[in-house]
Amino acid sequence: MIERFVGQEKLNGRSTWHVLVRVFQDHGELKPAQGNQGKPVVVLKEKATDHAGQSSRMLQNPSDPEAGYDGHKGAGYQLQLAQSYGEKNEVNLVTACLPQSAAL
């Protein structure tokens, strides 16, 4: 699909197009033809890694490109919470919330 529609300006400007290209670059590669009637072959990478050999920055979910990956927690996000807590407090509140990629 990428090769077929790469020159289509209406498509190439869309965020979904960029996600499609990124998914392919992160998880697949195009190999030269080897007896397949002269057509290149798409091969999935054994382990999706970036140029530094890391997998945490690879696109995990095309519907959520900002989600990261952590080897222990899996794909998604992590959340840092701060709260006002004390046994003498009448009310204990969450005072801050920082969502982050699971890769951080």
Protein backbone atom coordinates (compact mmCIF):
# COMPACT_ATOMS: atom_id res chain seq x y z
CA MET A 1 0.00 0.00 0.00
CA ILE A 2 2.83 2.39 0.83
CA GLU A 3 4.46 1.99 -2.57
CA ARG A 4 1.11 2.22 -4.34
CA PHE A 5 -0.05 5.46 -2.66
CA VAL A 6 3.23 7.21 -1.81
CA GLY A 7 2.67 9.93 -4.41
CA GLN A 8 -0.90 10.79 -3.38
CA GLU A 9 -0.70 14.21 -1.69
CA LYS A 10 -4.24 13.97 -0.29
CA LEU A 11 -3.32 10.76 1.51
CA ASN A 12 0.28 11.53 2.40
CA GLY A 13 -0.67 14.55 4.51
CA ARG A 14 -2.99 12.57 6.78
CA SER A 15 -1.90 11.49 10.26
CA THR A 16 -3.19 7.98 9.54
CA TRP A 17 -0.84 7.76 6.55
CA HIS A 18 2.13 8.65 8.76
CA VAL A 19 1.08 6.01 11.28
CA LEU A 20 0.82 3.39 8.51
CA VAL A 21 4.33 4.21 7.29
CA ARG A 22 5.70 4.21 10.85
CA VAL A 23 4.13 0.81 11.67
CA PHE A 24 5.74 -0.66 8.59
CA GLN A 25 9.15 0.89 9.31
CA ASP A 26 9.04 -0.23 12.95
CA HIS A 27 7.84 -3.79 12.40
CA GLY A 28 8.60 -4.82 8.82
CA GLU A 29 11.05 -4.49 5.99
CA LEU A 30 11.03 -4.93 2.25
CA LYS A 31 13.40 -7.65 1.02
CA PRO A 32 14.53 -8.03 -2.59
CA ALA A 33 12.81 -10.68 -4.67
CA GLN A 34 14.10 -14.24 -4.51
CA GLY A 35 12.20 -16.24 -7.06
CA ASN A 36 8.88 -14.58 -6.25
CA GLN A 37 8.19 -13.54 -9.85
CA GLY A 38 10.45 -10.51 -9.41
CA LYS A 39 8.35 -8.89 -6.68
CA PRO A 40 9.91 -7.72 -3.41
CA VAL A 41 8.72 -9.50 -0.27
CA VAL A 42 7.56 -7.91 2.99
CA VAL A 43 9.16 -9.58 6.00
CA LEU A 44 8.26 -8.95 9.64
CA LYS A 45 11.22 -8.11 11.83
CA GLU A 46 11.98 -10.80 14.40
CA LYS A 47 12.08 -8.10 17.08
CA ALA A 48 10.99 -4.56 16.34
CA THR A 49 13.84 -2.21 17.26
CA ASP A 50 14.85 1.31 16.45
CA HIS A 51 18.25 2.43 15.08
CA ALA A 52 19.75 2.06 18.59
CA GLY A 53 18.44 -1.47 19.08
CA GLN A 54 15.71 -0.42 21.52
CA SER A 55 12.10 -1.59 21.35
CA SER A 56 10.52 0.87 23.79
CA ARG A 57 9.99 3.59 21.17
CA MET A 58 8.34 1.35 18.58
CA LEU A 59 4.72 2.02 17.68
CA GLN A 60 2.69 -0.42 19.77
CA ASN A 61 -0.86 0.61 18.96
CA PRO A 62 -1.71 2.45 15.73
CA SER A 63 -4.86 3.90 17.33
CA ASP A 64 -2.68 5.41 20.09
CA PRO A 65 0.74 6.39 18.67
CA GLU A 66 1.88 7.97 21.95
CA ALA A 67 1.62 4.72 23.94
CA GLY A 68 5.00 3.25 24.77
CA TYR A 69 6.28 -0.17 25.76
CA ASP A 70 7.97 -1.39 28.91
CA GLY A 71 9.32 -4.92 29.19
CA HIS A 72 7.71 -5.42 32.60
CA LYS A 73 4.46 -3.49 32.18
CA GLY A 74 3.80 -4.01 28.48
CA ALA A 75 2.28 -1.50 26.08
CA GLY A 76 0.49 1.61 27.27
CA TYR A 77 1.12 4.29 29.84
CA GLN A 78 2.26 4.78 33.38
CA LEU A 79 0.87 7.34 35.77
CA GLN A 80 2.65 9.34 38.48
CA LEU A 81 0.30 10.52 41.22
CA ALA A 82 0.86 12.93 44.10
CA GLN A 83 -1.64 13.21 46.89
CA SER A 84 -2.14 15.05 50.13
CA TYR A 85 -2.42 12.24 52.60
CA GLY A 86 -2.31 12.24 56.34
CA GLU A 87 -4.24 10.59 59.11
CA LYS A 88 -5.11 14.02 60.55
CA ASN A 89 -6.38 15.42 57.23
CA GLU A 90 -10.14 15.71 56.92
CA VAL A 91 -9.83 15.25 53.17
CA ASN A 92 -7.08 13.49 51.20
CA LEU A 93 -6.82 14.69 47.62
CA VAL A 94 -4.90 13.79 44.49
CA THR A 95 -2.91 16.99 43.92
CA ALA A 96 -1.05 16.10 40.72
CA CYS A 97 -1.28 13.56 37.94
CA LEU A 98 1.39 13.00 35.29
CA PRO A 99 0.61 10.44 32.58
CA GLN A 100 3.68 9.16 30.74
CA SER A 101 4.52 6.66 28.06
CA ALA A 102 5.26 3.22 29.51
CA ALA A 103 8.68 3.53 27.87
CA LEU A 104 9.86 6.26 30.26
